[in-house]
Amino acid sequence: MNQETGLRLEMTPEVLDNTGEILFDSARGCGCGARFTGAGGGGCLWALGEKPAIDLLRQRWQDILSTVEGGELLNTKIDHQGIILDPY
């Protein structure tokens, strides 16, 4: 995943803002894979890794985002049932 994100960054280096680059680099440093969502530009990054690596990364990202106005971690979970369609 980091290899693919790295290729995207080579093709469009402006896709991550400074904070996004710091978050991506810290994920790699913790042994996690990281990816930005959408077209980039500072919106959202997500990461995958083994639990000890994610626990370390969570603290690092909280420290980084505490210096960014409006920056925060989103609480997420895995839904083992897959996508559930809302019938409206």
PDB file of N, CA and C in Angstrom:
ATOM      1  N   MET A   1       0.824  -1.177   0.000  1.00  0.00           N
ATOM      2  CA  MET A   1       0.000   0.000   0.000  1.00  0.00           C
ATOM      3  C   MET A   1       0.877   1.252   0.000  1.00  0.00           C
ATOM      4  N   ASN A   2       1.963   1.250   0.774  1.00  0.00           N
ATOM      5  CA  ASN A   2       2.847   2.415   0.791  1.00  0.00           C
ATOM      6  C   ASN A   2       3.523   2.627  -0.552  1.00  0.00           C
ATOM      7  N   GLN A   3       3.825   1.551  -1.229  1.00  0.00           N
ATOM      8  CA  GLN A   3       4.436   1.662  -2.551  1.00  0.00           C
ATOM      9  C   GLN A   3       3.472   2.351  -3.527  1.00  0.00           C
ATOM     10  N   GLU A   4       2.206   1.965  -3.493  1.00  0.00           N
ATOM     11  CA  GLU A   4       1.204   2.568  -4.371  1.00  0.00           C
ATOM     12  C   GLU A   4       0.996   4.035  -4.015  1.00  0.00           C
ATOM     13  N   THR A   5       0.914   4.346  -2.727  1.00  0.00           N
ATOM     14  CA  THR A   5       0.760   5.734  -2.306  1.00  0.00           C
ATOM     15  C   THR A   5       1.985   6.542  -2.716  1.00  0.00           C
ATOM     16  N   GLY A   6       3.167   5.961  -2.585  1.00  0.00           N
ATOM     17  CA  GLY A   6       4.391   6.642  -3.017  1.00  0.00           C
ATOM     18  C   GLY A   6       4.375   6.971  -4.498  1.00  0.00           C
ATOM     19  N   LEU A   7       3.885   6.040  -5.318  1.00  0.00           N
ATOM     20  CA  LEU A   7       3.783   6.295  -6.762  1.00  0.00           C
ATOM     21  C   LEU A   7       2.815   7.432  -7.051  1.00  0.00           C
ATOM     22  N   ARG A   8       1.695   7.452  -6.359  1.00  0.00           N
ATOM     23  CA  ARG A   8       0.729   8.548  -6.537  1.00  0.00           C
ATOM     24  C   ARG A   8       1.349   9.886  -6.145  1.00  0.00           C
ATOM     25  N   LEU A   9       2.144   9.885  -5.094  1.00  0.00           N
ATOM     26  CA  LEU A   9       2.796  11.118  -4.664  1.00  0.00           C
ATOM     27  C   LEU A   9       3.848  11.587  -5.676  1.00  0.00           C
ATOM     28  N   GLU A  10       4.507  10.648  -6.327  1.00  0.00           N
ATOM     29  CA  GLU A  10       5.461  11.014  -7.382  1.00  0.00           C
ATOM     30  C   GLU A  10       4.749  11.651  -8.566  1.00  0.00           C
ATOM     31  N   MET A  11       3.589  11.104  -8.937  1.00  0.00           N
ATOM     32  CA  MET A  11       2.844  11.621 -10.088  1.00  0.00           C
ATOM     33  C   MET A  11       2.189  12.972  -9.781  1.00  0.00           C
ATOM     34  N   THR A  12       1.679  13.111  -8.576  1.00  0.00           N
ATOM     35  CA  THR A  12       0.998  14.355  -8.189  1.00  0.00           C
ATOM     36  C   THR A  12       1.457  14.755  -6.789  1.00  0.00           C
ATOM     37  N   PRO A  13       2.633  15.367  -6.671  1.00  0.00           N
ATOM     38  CA  PRO A  13       3.194  15.668  -5.350  1.00  0.00           C
ATOM     39  C   PRO A  13       2.331  16.610  -4.508  1.00  0.00           C
ATOM     40  N   GLU A  14       1.476  17.393  -5.136  1.00  0.00           N
ATOM     41  CA  GLU A  14       0.652  18.337  -4.388  1.00  0.00           C
ATOM     42  C   GLU A  14      -0.584  17.686  -3.779  1.00  0.00           C
ATOM     43  N   VAL A  15      -0.740  16.376  -3.957  1.00  0.00           N
ATOM     44  CA  VAL A  15      -1.947  15.694  -3.487  1.00  0.00           C
ATOM     45  C   VAL A  15      -2.034  15.672  -1.953  1.00  0.00           C
ATOM     46  N   LEU A  16      -0.901  15.759  -1.262  1.00  0.00           N
ATOM     47  CA  LEU A  16      -0.912  15.835   0.200  1.00  0.00           C
ATOM     48  C   LEU A  16      -0.354  17.182   0.638  1.00  0.00           C
ATOM     49  N   ASP A  17      -0.999  17.772   1.630  1.00  0.00           N
ATOM     50  CA  ASP A  17      -0.439  18.987   2.219  1.00  0.00           C
ATOM     51  C   ASP A  17       0.674  18.573   3.187  1.00  0.00           C
ATOM     52  N   ASN A  18       1.286  19.539   3.845  1.00  0.00           N
ATOM     53  CA  ASN A  18       2.406  19.252   4.739  1.00  0.00           C
ATOM     54  C   ASN A  18       2.009  18.291   5.857  1.00  0.00           C
ATOM     55  N   THR A  19       0.846  18.511   6.451  1.00  0.00           N
ATOM     56  CA  THR A  19       0.386  17.621   7.521  1.00  0.00           C
ATOM     57  C   THR A  19       0.173  16.214   6.989  1.00  0.00           C
ATOM     58  N   GLY A  20      -0.414  16.084   5.805  1.00  0.00           N
ATOM     59  CA  GLY A  20      -0.626  14.771   5.204  1.00  0.00           C
ATOM     60  C   GLY A  20       0.677  14.033   4.984  1.00  0.00           C
ATOM     61  N   GLU A  21       1.703  14.745   4.535  1.00  0.00           N
ATOM     62  CA  GLU A  21       3.015  14.125   4.334  1.00  0.00           C
ATOM     63  C   GLU A  21       3.597  13.636   5.658  1.00  0.00           C
ATOM     64  N   ILE A  22       3.446  14.449   6.697  1.00  0.00           N
ATOM     65  CA  ILE A  22       3.947  14.058   8.018  1.00  0.00           C
ATOM     66  C   ILE A  22       3.197  12.822   8.530  1.00  0.00           C
ATOM     67  N   LEU A  23       1.876  12.798   8.355  1.00  0.00           N
ATOM     68  CA  LEU A  23       1.086  11.640   8.784  1.00  0.00           C
ATOM     69  C   LEU A  23       1.489  10.385   8.010  1.00  0.00           C
ATOM     70  N   PHE A  24       1.668  10.524   6.697  1.00  0.00           N
ATOM     71  CA  PHE A  24       2.068   9.383   5.867  1.00  0.00           C
ATOM     72  C   PHE A  24       3.438   8.858   6.294  1.00  0.00           C
ATOM     73  N   ASP A  25       4.393   9.769   6.474  1.00  0.00           N
ATOM     74  CA  ASP A  25       5.733   9.352   6.883  1.00  0.00           C
ATOM     75  C   ASP A  25       5.721   8.684   8.256  1.00  0.00           C
ATOM     76  N   SER A  26       4.901   9.188   9.181  1.00  0.00           N
ATOM     77  CA  SER A  26       4.856   8.579  10.504  1.00  0.00           C
ATOM     78  C   SER A  26       4.231   7.183  10.451  1.00  0.00           C
ATOM     79  N   ALA A  27       3.253   6.989   9.566  1.00  0.00           N
ATOM     80  CA  ALA A  27       2.669   5.650   9.410  1.00  0.00           C
ATOM     81  C   ALA A  27       3.721   4.664   8.919  1.00  0.00           C
ATOM     82  N   ARG A  28       4.469   5.071   7.901  1.00  0.00           N
ATOM     83  CA  ARG A  28       5.537   4.186   7.399  1.00  0.00           C
ATOM     84  C   ARG A  28       6.554   3.902   8.490  1.00  0.00           C
ATOM     85  N   GLY A  29       6.896   4.932   9.280  1.00  0.00           N
ATOM     86  CA  GLY A  29       7.874   4.761  10.352  1.00  0.00           C
ATOM     87  C   GLY A  29       7.418   3.804  11.439  1.00  0.00           C
ATOM     88  N   CYS A  30       6.103   3.667  11.597  1.00  0.00           N
ATOM     89  CA  CYS A  30       5.547   2.740  12.590  1.00  0.00           C
ATOM     90  C   CYS A  30       5.327   1.344  12.012  1.00  0.00           C
ATOM     91  N   GLY A  31       5.620   1.161  10.726  1.00  0.00           N
ATOM     92  CA  GLY A  31       5.412  -0.137  10.095  1.00  0.00           C
ATOM     93  C   GLY A  31       3.996  -0.352   9.602  1.00  0.00           C
ATOM     94  N   CYS A  32       3.269   0.739   9.376  1.00  0.00           N
ATOM     95  CA  CYS A  32       1.894   0.650   8.880  1.00  0.00           C
ATOM     96  C   CYS A  32       1.829   1.081   7.423  1.00  0.00           C
ATOM     97  N   GLY A  33       0.792   0.642   6.755  1.00  0.00           N
ATOM     98  CA  GLY A  33       0.494   1.133   5.423  1.00  0.00           C
ATOM     99  C   GLY A  33      -0.465   2.300   5.551  1.00  0.00           C
ATOM    100  N   ALA A  34      -0.304   3.311   4.703  1.00  0.00           N
ATOM    101  CA  ALA A  34      -1.190   4.474   4.772  1.00  0.00           C
ATOM    102  C   ALA A  34      -1.615   4.895   3.378  1.00  0.00           C
ATOM    103  N   ARG A  35      -2.790   5.488   3.300  1.00  0.00           N
ATOM    104  CA  ARG A  35      -3.365   5.920   2.014  1.00  0.00           C
ATOM    105  C   ARG A  35      -4.236   7.125   2.258  1.00  0.00           C
ATOM    106  N   PHE A  36      -4.211   8.074   1.339  1.00  0.00           N
ATOM    107  CA  PHE A  36      -5.119   9.214   1.425  1.00  0.00           C
ATOM    108  C   PHE A  36      -6.395   8.874   0.683  1.00  0.00           C
ATOM    109  N   THR A  37      -7.484   9.541   1.047  1.00  0.00           N
ATOM    110  CA  THR A  37      -8.769   9.282   0.409  1.00  0.00           C
ATOM    111  C   THR A  37      -9.028  10.303  -0.683  1.00  0.00           C
ATOM    112  N   GLY A  38      -9.887   9.960  -1.593  1.00  0.00           N
ATOM    113  CA  GLY A  38     -10.297  10.884  -2.656  1.00  0.00           C
ATOM    114  C   GLY A  38      -9.128  11.372  -3.475  1.00  0.00           C
ATOM    115  N   ALA A  39      -9.199  12.627  -3.856  1.00  0.00           N
ATOM    116  CA  ALA A  39      -8.160  13.231  -4.688  1.00  0.00           C
ATOM    117  C   ALA A  39      -7.037  13.818  -3.856  1.00  0.00           C
ATOM    118  N   GLY A  40      -7.107  13.680  -2.542  1.00  0.00           N
ATOM    119  CA  GLY A  40      -6.071  14.230  -1.684  1.00  0.00           C
ATOM    120  C   GLY A  40      -6.329  15.689  -1.377  1.00  0.00           C
ATOM    121  N   GLY A  41      -5.272  16.411  -1.126  1.00  0.00           N
ATOM    122  CA  GLY A  41      -5.404  17.824  -0.835  1.00  0.00           C
ATOM    123  C   GLY A  41      -5.622  18.137   0.628  1.00  0.00           C
ATOM    124  N   GLY A  42      -5.341  17.188   1.501  1.00  0.00           N
ATOM    125  CA  GLY A  42      -5.432  17.463   2.920  1.00  0.00           C
ATOM    126  C   GLY A  42      -6.684  16.983   3.605  1.00  0.00           C
ATOM    127  N   GLY A  43      -7.483  16.171   2.944  1.00  0.00           N
ATOM    128  CA  GLY A  43      -8.746  15.738   3.540  1.00  0.00           C
ATOM    129  C   GLY A  43      -8.602  14.683   4.604  1.00  0.00           C
ATOM    130  N   CYS A  44      -8.180  13.472   4.227  1.00  0.00           N
ATOM    131  CA  CYS A  44      -8.217  12.358   5.167  1.00  0.00           C
ATOM    132  C   CYS A  44      -7.206  11.294   4.757  1.00  0.00           C
ATOM    133  N   LEU A  45      -6.547  10.702   5.735  1.00  0.00           N
ATOM    134  CA  LEU A  45      -5.676   9.553   5.524  1.00  0.00           C
ATOM    135  C   LEU A  45      -6.173   8.419   6.410  1.00  0.00           C
ATOM    136  N   TRP A  46      -5.891   7.205   5.992  1.00  0.00           N
ATOM    137  CA  TRP A  46      -6.201   6.054   6.812  1.00  0.00           C
ATOM    138  C   TRP A  46      -4.993   5.130   6.804  1.00  0.00           C
ATOM    139  N   ALA A  47      -4.924   4.239   7.782  1.00  0.00           N
ATOM    140  CA  ALA A  47      -3.764   3.356   7.905  1.00  0.00           C
ATOM    141  C   ALA A  47      -4.204   1.962   8.324  1.00  0.00           C
ATOM    142  N   LEU A  48      -3.396   0.985   7.935  1.00  0.00           N
ATOM    143  CA  LEU A  48      -3.575  -0.412   8.321  1.00  0.00           C
ATOM    144  C   LEU A  48      -2.268  -0.929   8.895  1.00  0.00           C
ATOM    145  N   GLY A  49      -2.365  -1.815   9.859  1.00  0.00           N
ATOM    146  CA  GLY A  49      -1.160  -2.410  10.414  1.00  0.00           C
ATOM    147  C   GLY A  49      -1.518  -3.384  11.516  1.00  0.00           C
ATOM    148  N   GLU A  50      -0.495  -4.016  12.047  1.00  0.00           N
ATOM    149  CA  GLU A  50      -0.691  -4.907  13.183  1.00  0.00           C
ATOM    150  C   GLU A  50      -1.056  -4.062  14.401  1.00  0.00           C
ATOM    151  N   LYS A  51      -1.762  -4.650  15.356  1.00  0.00           N
ATOM    152  CA  LYS A  51      -2.272  -3.897  16.502  1.00  0.00           C
ATOM    153  C   LYS A  51      -1.192  -3.097  17.233  1.00  0.00           C
ATOM    154  N   PRO A  52      -0.025  -3.664  17.566  1.00  0.00           N
ATOM    155  CA  PRO A  52       0.981  -2.845  18.266  1.00  0.00           C
ATOM    156  C   PRO A  52       1.436  -1.638  17.438  1.00  0.00           C
ATOM    157  N   ALA A  53       1.556  -1.825  16.132  1.00  0.00           N
ATOM    158  CA  ALA A  53       1.967  -0.715  15.263  1.00  0.00           C
ATOM    159  C   ALA A  53       0.876   0.347  15.190  1.00  0.00           C
ATOM    160  N   ILE A  54      -0.378  -0.077  15.103  1.00  0.00           N
ATOM    161  CA  ILE A  54      -1.501   0.868  15.060  1.00  0.00           C
ATOM    162  C   ILE A  54      -1.617   1.621  16.377  1.00  0.00           C
ATOM    163  N   ASP A  55      -1.411   0.935  17.498  1.00  0.00           N
ATOM    164  CA  ASP A  55      -1.461   1.613  18.799  1.00  0.00           C
ATOM    165  C   ASP A  55      -0.409   2.714  18.874  1.00  0.00           C
ATOM    166  N   LEU A  56       0.799   2.427  18.407  1.00  0.00           N
ATOM    167  CA  LEU A  56       1.867   3.433  18.375  1.00  0.00           C
ATOM    168  C   LEU A  56       1.499   4.567  17.419  1.00  0.00           C
ATOM    169  N   LEU A  57       1.016   4.203  16.245  1.00  0.00           N
ATOM    170  CA  LEU A  57       0.654   5.218  15.251  1.00  0.00           C
ATOM    171  C   LEU A  57      -0.481   6.100  15.750  1.00  0.00           C
ATOM    172  N   ARG A  58      -1.461   5.524  16.412  1.00  0.00           N
ATOM    173  CA  ARG A  58      -2.588   6.307  16.929  1.00  0.00           C
ATOM    174  C   ARG A  58      -2.078   7.443  17.816  1.00  0.00           C
ATOM    175  N   GLN A  59      -1.132   7.141  18.713  1.00  0.00           N
ATOM    176  CA  GLN A  59      -0.584   8.169  19.596  1.00  0.00           C
ATOM    177  C   GLN A  59       0.195   9.215  18.798  1.00  0.00           C
ATOM    178  N   ARG A  60       0.984   8.762  17.837  1.00  0.00           N
ATOM    179  CA  ARG A  60       1.755   9.712  17.020  1.00  0.00           C
ATOM    180  C   ARG A  60       0.831  10.620  16.225  1.00  0.00           C
ATOM    181  N   TRP A  61      -0.218  10.042  15.622  1.00  0.00           N
ATOM    182  CA  TRP A  61      -1.149  10.866  14.842  1.00  0.00           C
ATOM    183  C   TRP A  61      -1.904  11.829  15.755  1.00  0.00           C
ATOM    184  N   GLN A  62      -2.271  11.399  16.953  1.00  0.00           N
ATOM    185  CA  GLN A  62      -2.943  12.308  17.881  1.00  0.00           C
ATOM    186  C   GLN A  62      -2.030  13.488  18.220  1.00  0.00           C
ATOM    187  N   ASP A  63      -0.747  13.209  18.450  1.00  0.00           N
ATOM    188  CA  ASP A  63       0.207  14.273  18.757  1.00  0.00           C
ATOM    189  C   ASP A  63       0.325  15.249  17.587  1.00  0.00           C
ATOM    190  N   ILE A  64       0.429  14.717  16.380  1.00  0.00           N
ATOM    191  CA  ILE A  64       0.554  15.557  15.185  1.00  0.00           C
ATOM    192  C   ILE A  64      -0.708  16.390  14.991  1.00  0.00           C
ATOM    193  N   LEU A  65      -1.863  15.743  15.065  1.00  0.00           N
ATOM    194  CA  LEU A  65      -3.131  16.426  14.791  1.00  0.00           C
ATOM    195  C   LEU A  65      -3.523  17.413  15.881  1.00  0.00           C
ATOM    196  N   SER A  66      -2.952  17.267  17.074  1.00  0.00           N
ATOM    197  CA  SER A  66      -3.262  18.220  18.139  1.00  0.00           C
ATOM    198  C   SER A  66      -2.747  19.615  17.809  1.00  0.00           C
ATOM    199  N   THR A  67      -1.829  19.717  16.855  1.00  0.00           N
ATOM    200  CA  THR A  67      -1.282  21.018  16.458  1.00  0.00           C
ATOM    201  C   THR A  67      -1.996  21.596  15.236  1.00  0.00           C
ATOM    202  N   VAL A  68      -2.971  20.866  14.698  1.00  0.00           N
ATOM    203  CA  VAL A  68      -3.670  21.278  13.476  1.00  0.00           C
ATOM    204  C   VAL A  68      -5.098  21.689  13.821  1.00  0.00           C
ATOM    205  N   GLU A  69      -5.466  22.917  13.491  1.00  0.00           N
ATOM    206  CA  GLU A  69      -6.825  23.371  13.761  1.00  0.00           C
ATOM    207  C   GLU A  69      -7.827  22.486  13.019  1.00  0.00           C
ATOM    208  N   GLY A  70      -8.757  21.895  13.747  1.00  0.00           N
ATOM    209  CA  GLY A  70      -9.768  21.019  13.155  1.00  0.00           C
ATOM    210  C   GLY A  70      -9.276  19.606  12.905  1.00  0.00           C
ATOM    211  N   GLY A  71      -8.006  19.321  13.192  1.00  0.00           N
ATOM    212  CA  GLY A  71      -7.461  17.983  12.965  1.00  0.00           C
ATOM    213  C   GLY A  71      -7.891  17.022  14.061  1.00  0.00           C
ATOM    214  N   GLU A  72      -8.309  15.828  13.683  1.00  0.00           N
ATOM    215  CA  GLU A  72      -8.724  14.837  14.670  1.00  0.00           C
ATOM    216  C   GLU A  72      -8.692  13.443  14.071  1.00  0.00           C
ATOM    217  N   LEU A  73      -8.616  12.457  14.948  1.00  0.00           N
ATOM    218  CA  LEU A  73      -8.748  11.067  14.538  1.00  0.00           C
ATOM    219  C   LEU A  73     -10.225  10.723  14.486  1.00  0.00           C
ATOM    220  N   LEU A  74     -10.605   9.946  13.502  1.00  0.00           N
ATOM    221  CA  LEU A  74     -11.983   9.476  13.399  1.00  0.00           C
ATOM    222  C   LEU A  74     -12.073   8.072  13.983  1.00  0.00           C
ATOM    223  N   ASN A  75     -13.075   7.820  14.777  1.00  0.00           N
ATOM    224  CA  ASN A  75     -13.290   6.479  15.315  1.00  0.00           C
ATOM    225  C   ASN A  75     -13.892   5.605  14.220  1.00  0.00           C
ATOM    226  N   THR A  76     -13.265   4.484  13.962  1.00  0.00           N
ATOM    227  CA  THR A  76     -13.741   3.572  12.929  1.00  0.00           C
ATOM    228  C   THR A  76     -13.751   2.153  13.465  1.00  0.00           C
ATOM    229  N   LYS A  77     -14.417   1.287  12.746  1.00  0.00           N
ATOM    230  CA  LYS A  77     -14.400  -0.132  13.074  1.00  0.00           C
ATOM    231  C   LYS A  77     -14.637  -0.912  11.795  1.00  0.00           C
ATOM    232  N   ILE A  78     -14.303  -2.173  11.843  1.00  0.00           N
ATOM    233  CA  ILE A  78     -14.510  -3.052  10.701  1.00  0.00           C
ATOM    234  C   ILE A  78     -15.882  -3.695  10.832  1.00  0.00           C
ATOM    235  N   ASP A  79     -16.664  -3.648   9.772  1.00  0.00           N
ATOM    236  CA  ASP A  79     -17.979  -4.275   9.737  1.00  0.00           C
ATOM    237  C   ASP A  79     -17.829  -5.595   8.994  1.00  0.00           C
ATOM    238  N   HIS A  80     -17.916  -6.687   9.717  1.00  0.00           N
ATOM    239  CA  HIS A  80     -17.712  -8.003   9.118  1.00  0.00           C
ATOM    240  C   HIS A  80     -18.867  -8.455   8.222  1.00  0.00           C
ATOM    241  N   GLN A  81     -19.958  -7.679   8.199  1.00  0.00           N
ATOM    242  CA  GLN A  81     -21.075  -8.005   7.325  1.00  0.00           C
ATOM    243  C   GLN A  81     -20.949  -7.312   5.972  1.00  0.00           C
ATOM    244  N   GLY A  82     -19.949  -6.497   5.809  1.00  0.00           N
ATOM    245  CA  GLY A  82     -19.766  -5.800   4.537  1.00  0.00           C
ATOM    246  C   GLY A  82     -20.631  -4.555   4.469  1.00  0.00           C
ATOM    247  N   ILE A  83     -20.903  -4.112   3.284  1.00  0.00           N
ATOM    248  CA  ILE A  83     -21.688  -2.903   3.072  1.00  0.00           C
ATOM    249  C   ILE A  83     -23.174  -3.237   3.224  1.00  0.00           C
ATOM    250  N   ILE A  84     -23.843  -2.433   4.023  1.00  0.00           N
ATOM    251  CA  ILE A  84     -25.277  -2.604   4.212  1.00  0.00           C
ATOM    252  C   ILE A  84     -25.964  -1.422   3.535  1.00  0.00           C
ATOM    253  N   LEU A  85     -26.818  -1.704   2.587  1.00  0.00           N
ATOM    254  CA  LEU A  85     -27.507  -0.637   1.841  1.00  0.00           C
ATOM    255  C   LEU A  85     -28.664  -0.103   2.657  1.00  0.00           C
ATOM    256  N   ASP A  86     -28.762   1.210   2.690  1.00  0.00           N
ATOM    257  CA  ASP A  86     -29.886   1.873   3.353  1.00  0.00           C
ATOM    258  C   ASP A  86     -30.997   2.024   2.314  1.00  0.00           C
ATOM    259  N   PRO A  87     -32.180   1.442   2.543  1.00  0.00           N
ATOM    260  CA  PRO A  87     -33.240   1.494   1.511  1.00  0.00           C
ATOM    261  C   PRO A  87     -33.925   2.852   1.412  1.00  0.00           C
ATOM    262  N   TYR A  88     -33.457   3.867   2.151  1.00  0.00           N
ATOM    263  CA  TYR A  88     -34.032   5.229   2.175  1.00  0.00           C
ATOM    264  C   TYR A  88     -35.340   5.161   2.887  1.00  0.00           C
TER     265      TYR A  88
END
